[in-house]
């Protein structure tokens, strides 16, 4: 999910973390992205997509995790 308001994104992440999700924010140029994961279980993440759509009203997508190189 991408939000223009960084405070709203941070509040959403805090709520999702309270619900047990591994939620994070990633600041982009003009918006803040809310990210869940990473997780090695694709089936678990697919199930979470459905749950998250019910919670947020927004449809998510699975993205391949790309760790940063040190």
C-alpha atoms as a PDB file:
ATOM      1  CA  UNK A   1       0.000   0.000   0.000  1.00  0.00           C
ATOM      2  CA  UNK A   2       1.290   3.463  -0.819  1.00  0.00           C
ATOM      3  CA  UNK A   3       0.116   6.528   1.082  1.00  0.00           C
ATOM      4  CA  UNK A   4       0.839  10.202   0.432  1.00  0.00           C
ATOM      5  CA  UNK A   5       0.652  11.055   4.138  1.00  0.00           C
ATOM      6  CA  UNK A   6       3.619   9.620   6.060  1.00  0.00           C
ATOM      7  CA  UNK A   7       1.824  10.010   9.410  1.00  0.00           C
ATOM      8  CA  UNK A   8      -1.092   7.901   8.162  1.00  0.00           C
ATOM      9  CA  UNK A   9       1.343   5.250   6.937  1.00  0.00           C
ATOM     10  CA  UNK A  10       3.097   5.184  10.315  1.00  0.00           C
ATOM     11  CA  UNK A  11      -0.241   4.856  12.137  1.00  0.00           C
ATOM     12  CA  UNK A  12      -1.270   1.995   9.857  1.00  0.00           C
ATOM     13  CA  UNK A  13       2.036   0.204  10.461  1.00  0.00           C
ATOM     14  CA  UNK A  14       1.609   0.587  14.215  1.00  0.00           C
ATOM     15  CA  UNK A  15      -1.916  -0.874  14.002  1.00  0.00           C
ATOM     16  CA  UNK A  16      -0.770  -3.780  11.825  1.00  0.00           C
ATOM     17  CA  UNK A  17       2.114  -4.532  14.193  1.00  0.00           C
ATOM     18  CA  UNK A  18      -0.348  -4.681  17.101  1.00  0.00           C
ATOM     19  CA  UNK A  19      -2.304  -7.236  15.076  1.00  0.00           C
ATOM     20  CA  UNK A  20       0.829  -9.375  14.727  1.00  0.00           C
ATOM     21  CA  UNK A  21       1.991  -8.401  11.237  1.00  0.00           C
ATOM     22  CA  UNK A  22       5.630  -7.735  10.427  1.00  0.00           C
ATOM     23  CA  UNK A  23       4.882  -4.263   9.038  1.00  0.00           C
ATOM     24  CA  UNK A  24       7.331  -1.555   7.964  1.00  0.00           C
ATOM     25  CA  UNK A  25       7.360   1.758   6.128  1.00  0.00           C
ATOM     26  CA  UNK A  26       9.572   2.651   3.209  1.00  0.00           C
ATOM     27  CA  UNK A  27       9.801   6.307   2.233  1.00  0.00           C
ATOM     28  CA  UNK A  28       9.705   6.902  -1.521  1.00  0.00           C
ATOM     29  CA  UNK A  29      10.002  10.259  -3.304  1.00  0.00           C
ATOM     30  CA  UNK A  30       6.350  11.313  -3.203  1.00  0.00           C
ATOM     31  CA  UNK A  31       4.720   8.675  -1.002  1.00  0.00           C
ATOM     32  CA  UNK A  32       5.277   6.240   1.848  1.00  0.00           C
ATOM     33  CA  UNK A  33       4.945   2.534   1.161  1.00  0.00           C
ATOM     34  CA  UNK A  34       3.590   0.144   3.817  1.00  0.00           C
ATOM     35  CA  UNK A  35       5.293  -3.246   3.562  1.00  0.00           C
ATOM     36  CA  UNK A  36       4.469  -6.564   5.249  1.00  0.00           C
ATOM     37  CA  UNK A  37       7.191  -9.203   5.563  1.00  0.00           C
ATOM     38  CA  UNK A  38       9.493 -10.548   4.402  1.00  0.00           C
ATOM     39  CA  UNK A  39       8.524 -14.183   4.833  1.00  0.00           C
ATOM     40  CA  UNK A  40       9.750 -17.377   3.186  1.00  0.00           C
ATOM     41  CA  UNK A  41       6.238 -18.844   2.989  1.00  0.00           C
ATOM     42  CA  UNK A  42       4.446 -17.671  -0.142  1.00  0.00           C
ATOM     43  CA  UNK A  43       1.219 -19.373   0.972  1.00  0.00           C
ATOM     44  CA  UNK A  44       1.317 -17.498   4.302  1.00  0.00           C
ATOM     45  CA  UNK A  45       1.763 -14.183   2.498  1.00  0.00           C
ATOM     46  CA  UNK A  46      -1.063 -14.991   0.074  1.00  0.00           C
ATOM     47  CA  UNK A  47      -3.363 -15.635   3.058  1.00  0.00           C
ATOM     48  CA  UNK A  48      -2.233 -12.358   4.634  1.00  0.00           C
ATOM     49  CA  UNK A  49      -3.129 -10.489   1.422  1.00  0.00           C
ATOM     50  CA  UNK A  50      -6.760 -11.487   1.933  1.00  0.00           C
ATOM     51  CA  UNK A  51      -6.701 -10.545   5.637  1.00  0.00           C
ATOM     52  CA  UNK A  52      -5.006  -7.222   4.932  1.00  0.00           C
ATOM     53  CA  UNK A  53      -7.548  -6.313   2.265  1.00  0.00           C
ATOM     54  CA  UNK A  54     -10.308  -6.833   4.839  1.00  0.00           C
ATOM     55  CA  UNK A  55      -8.450  -4.669   7.389  1.00  0.00           C
ATOM     56  CA  UNK A  56      -7.333  -1.838   5.106  1.00  0.00           C
ATOM     57  CA  UNK A  57      -9.785  -1.938   2.226  1.00  0.00           C
ATOM     58  CA  UNK A  58      -6.844  -1.936  -0.183  1.00  0.00           C
ATOM     59  CA  UNK A  59      -5.635  -4.732  -2.397  1.00  0.00           C
ATOM     60  CA  UNK A  60      -1.981  -5.648  -1.925  1.00  0.00           C
ATOM     61  CA  UNK A  61       0.505  -7.483  -4.061  1.00  0.00           C
ATOM     62  CA  UNK A  62       3.368  -9.887  -3.461  1.00  0.00           C
ATOM     63  CA  UNK A  63       6.810  -8.560  -4.330  1.00  0.00           C
ATOM     64  CA  UNK A  64      10.106 -10.393  -4.380  1.00  0.00           C
ATOM     65  CA  UNK A  65      12.273  -9.440  -1.389  1.00  0.00           C
ATOM     66  CA  UNK A  66      15.510  -7.738  -2.409  1.00  0.00           C
ATOM     67  CA  UNK A  67      17.830  -7.301   0.588  1.00  0.00           C
ATOM     68  CA  UNK A  68      20.239  -4.389   0.589  1.00  0.00           C
ATOM     69  CA  UNK A  69      23.911  -5.177   0.089  1.00  0.00           C
ATOM     70  CA  UNK A  70      26.136  -3.935   2.938  1.00  0.00           C
END
